[in-house]
Protein backbone atom coordinates (compact mmCIF):
# COMPACT_ATOMS: atom_id res chain seq x y z
CA MET A 1 0.00 0.00 0.00
CA LYS A 2 2.83 2.44 0.78
CA ARG A 3 4.29 1.93 -2.65
CA GLU A 4 1.03 2.88 -4.37
CA ARG A 5 0.73 6.02 -2.28
CA SER A 6 4.27 7.12 -3.07
CA GLU A 7 3.62 6.62 -6.79
CA LEU A 8 0.48 8.74 -6.58
CA HIS A 9 1.95 11.37 -4.29
CA GLY A 10 1.31 14.85 -5.57
CA GLN A 11 -1.56 13.90 -7.85
CA ARG A 12 -5.17 14.75 -7.14
CA ARG A 13 -7.85 12.19 -7.76
CA GLU A 14 -9.09 14.10 -10.84
CA GLN A 15 -5.62 13.90 -12.40
CA LEU A 16 -5.79 10.12 -12.34
CA LEU A 17 -8.92 10.01 -14.50
CA ASP A 18 -8.85 10.23 -18.27
CA ASN A 19 -10.09 13.72 -19.16
CA PRO A 20 -12.30 14.30 -16.10
CA ARG A 21 -13.70 17.58 -17.50
CA HIS A 22 -14.55 17.57 -21.15
CA ASP A 23 -15.06 21.03 -22.59
CA SER A 24 -16.00 20.96 -26.26
CA TYR A 25 -15.00 24.63 -26.53
CA LYS A 26 -11.35 23.98 -25.68
CA ALA A 27 -9.09 23.51 -28.70
CA LYS A 28 -8.76 19.87 -29.72
CA GLY A 29 -5.11 20.34 -30.57
CA LYS A 30 -2.49 23.04 -30.46
CA LEU A 31 -3.50 26.15 -32.37
CA PRO A 32 -1.03 27.69 -34.84
CA ASP A 33 1.00 30.46 -33.21
CA PRO A 34 -0.21 33.19 -33.59
CA THR A 35 -3.97 32.76 -34.02
CA ARG A 36 -6.35 35.72 -33.97
CA CYS A 37 -10.09 35.67 -33.32
CA PRO A 38 -11.82 37.50 -36.19
CA GLU A 39 -14.75 38.47 -33.91
CA CYS A 40 -13.09 40.02 -30.84
CA GLY A 41 -9.44 40.38 -31.88
CA ALA A 42 -8.01 38.27 -29.05
CA THR A 43 -4.80 36.46 -30.00
CA PHE A 44 -3.52 33.04 -29.09
CA ARG A 45 0.24 33.05 -28.44
CA LYS A 46 2.44 30.78 -26.40
CA GLY A 47 -0.46 28.64 -25.21
CA ARG A 48 -2.92 31.31 -24.05
CA TRP A 49 -5.41 33.87 -25.30
CA THR A 50 -4.46 37.53 -24.72
CA TRP A 51 -5.40 40.98 -26.00
CA ASN A 52 -1.87 41.58 -27.34
CA ALA A 53 -1.94 42.64 -30.99
CA VAL A 54 0.06 40.69 -33.55
CA THR A 55 1.40 41.78 -36.91
CA GLY A 56 2.19 39.84 -40.01
CA SER A 57 0.66 36.57 -41.07
CA VAL A 58 -1.80 35.09 -38.56
CA HIS A 59 -4.14 32.13 -38.53
CA GLU A 60 -7.76 33.07 -37.83
CA GLN A 61 -10.16 31.05 -35.70
CA LEU A 62 -12.98 31.94 -33.33
CA CYS A 63 -11.83 31.96 -29.72
CA PRO A 64 -13.76 29.71 -27.30
CA ALA A 65 -15.58 32.73 -25.78
CA CYS A 66 -16.83 34.00 -29.15
CA GLN A 67 -17.84 30.47 -30.11
CA ARG A 68 -19.87 30.14 -26.87
CA ILE A 69 -21.48 33.54 -27.50
CA HIS A 70 -22.29 32.56 -31.08
CA ASP A 71 -23.79 29.22 -29.94
CA ARG A 72 -25.49 30.85 -26.92
CA PHE A 73 -24.07 28.03 -24.78
CA PRO A 74 -23.06 29.50 -21.38
CA ALA A 75 -20.64 27.98 -18.90
CA GLY A 76 -22.00 30.13 -16.07
CA TYR A 77 -25.42 31.33 -14.95
CA VAL A 78 -25.97 33.99 -12.28
CA THR A 79 -29.55 34.63 -11.18
CA LEU A 80 -30.11 37.87 -9.27
CA GLY A 81 -33.36 38.53 -7.46
CA GLY A 82 -35.26 39.74 -4.43
CA GLU A 83 -36.76 43.03 -3.29
CA PHE A 84 -33.36 44.57 -2.51
CA PHE A 85 -32.15 43.70 -6.01
CA ALA A 86 -35.26 45.25 -7.57
CA SER A 87 -34.69 48.54 -5.72
CA HIS A 88 -30.90 48.59 -6.42
CA ARG A 89 -30.95 47.03 -9.88
CA ASP A 90 -28.83 49.66 -11.68
CA ASP A 91 -26.11 49.67 -9.00
CA ILE A 92 -25.90 45.87 -8.92
CA LEU A 93 -25.84 45.52 -12.70
CA GLY A 94 -23.10 48.15 -12.76
CA LEU A 95 -21.12 45.94 -10.39
CA VAL A 96 -21.72 42.98 -12.74
CA LYS A 97 -20.40 44.91 -15.75
CA ASN A 98 -17.41 46.28 -13.83
CA CYS A 99 -16.51 42.75 -12.71
CA GLU A 100 -16.60 41.55 -16.33
CA THR A 101 -14.47 44.50 -17.50
CA LYS A 102 -11.83 43.78 -14.87
CA GLU A 103 -11.71 40.03 -15.52
CA LYS A 104 -11.81 40.36 -19.30
CA ALA A 105 -8.79 42.68 -19.27
CA ASP A 106 -6.53 39.83 -18.10
CA HIS A 107 -8.59 36.84 -19.28
CA PRO A 108 -10.12 37.38 -22.76
CA LEU A 109 -12.22 34.21 -22.52
CA GLN A 110 -14.16 35.48 -19.48
CA ARG A 111 -17.11 37.45 -20.83
CA ILE A 112 -20.79 38.07 -20.29
CA ILE A 113 -22.97 36.50 -22.97
CA ALA A 114 -26.24 38.19 -21.97
CA ILE A 115 -28.10 39.99 -19.19
CA GLU A 116 -31.77 39.10 -19.44
CA ASP A 117 -34.88 39.83 -17.41
CA VAL A 118 -36.49 36.67 -16.04
CA GLU A 119 -39.41 36.06 -13.69
CA ALA A 120 -37.12 35.80 -10.64
CA GLY A 121 -35.18 38.99 -11.52
CA VAL A 122 -32.21 38.99 -13.89
CA LEU A 123 -30.19 36.16 -15.43
CA VAL A 124 -26.55 36.83 -16.34
CA THR A 125 -24.94 34.22 -18.58
CA THR A 126 -21.16 33.97 -18.96
CA THR A 127 -18.62 32.22 -21.16
CA ASP A 128 -16.71 30.94 -18.14
CA GLY A 129 -17.76 29.51 -14.77
CA HIS A 130 -15.01 31.44 -12.99
CA LEU A 131 -16.51 34.75 -14.11
CA ALA A 132 -19.98 33.69 -12.96
CA ARG A 133 -18.57 32.78 -9.55
CA ARG A 134 -16.61 36.02 -9.29
CA ILE A 135 -19.70 38.09 -10.18
CA ALA A 136 -21.86 36.28 -7.61
CA GLU A 137 -19.22 36.55 -4.88
CA GLN A 138 -18.62 40.26 -5.51
CA ILE A 139 -22.34 41.01 -5.28
CA HIS A 140 -22.58 38.93 -2.11
CA ASP A 141 -19.54 40.65 -0.58
CA ALA A 142 -20.92 44.09 -1.41
CA HIS A 143 -24.58 43.56 -0.52
CA LYS A 144 -24.72 40.37 1.59
CA GLY A 145 -27.95 38.40 1.04
CA GLU A 146 -28.22 34.70 0.21
CA LEU A 147 -25.81 33.09 -2.25
CA ALA A 148 -26.04 29.52 -3.49
CA LEU A 149 -23.44 28.04 -5.85
CA GLN A 150 -23.95 24.79 -7.73
CA TYR A 151 -21.14 23.37 -9.88
CA ASN A 152 -21.69 20.50 -12.30
CA LYS A 153 -18.31 18.96 -13.13
CA GLU A 154 -19.61 16.75 -15.92
CA GLU A 155 -21.05 19.73 -17.80
CA ASN A 156 -18.33 22.21 -16.70
CA LEU A 157 -21.17 24.50 -15.60
CA LEU A 158 -21.68 26.85 -12.64
CA ARG A 159 -25.07 28.11 -11.47
CA ALA A 160 -25.14 30.90 -8.90
CA ASN A 161 -28.28 32.23 -7.27
CA TRP A 162 -28.19 35.45 -5.26
CA LYS A 163 -31.11 37.20 -3.66
CA ARG A 164 -31.81 39.75 -1.02
């Protein structure tokens, strides 16, 4: 038993599984360097998407965020509701947009897909679960209330519900 543990030392359980999180929006193989997204202008260089401009010959391909926006297939849902939200709607939605602006500056794939009115209040959909979580946590930190987070590993999907 000790031998098995020493062989596995430093690996998390998820690392032992074959592809535990399948995301169909991640590139199947290595993209040509550089690659530019024709929709948003983000560039893929040295293994990551950035806002750095490139000159010369570039390969063009939609980035995963633009593809999700095009397909209207979110990775994050944030539902905002309650009486407090209704009376402070503009301030809270301003916080949502500021959070996206800050995150998108360093992480081009973290974007809001839509902000829609729903029966419970407002539904914010995002291209990345991390952005949805950050939005929900910032609203909760600023205004308290009730926050529930539900992550589905199989679907690589985060649902956040905040109300006050």
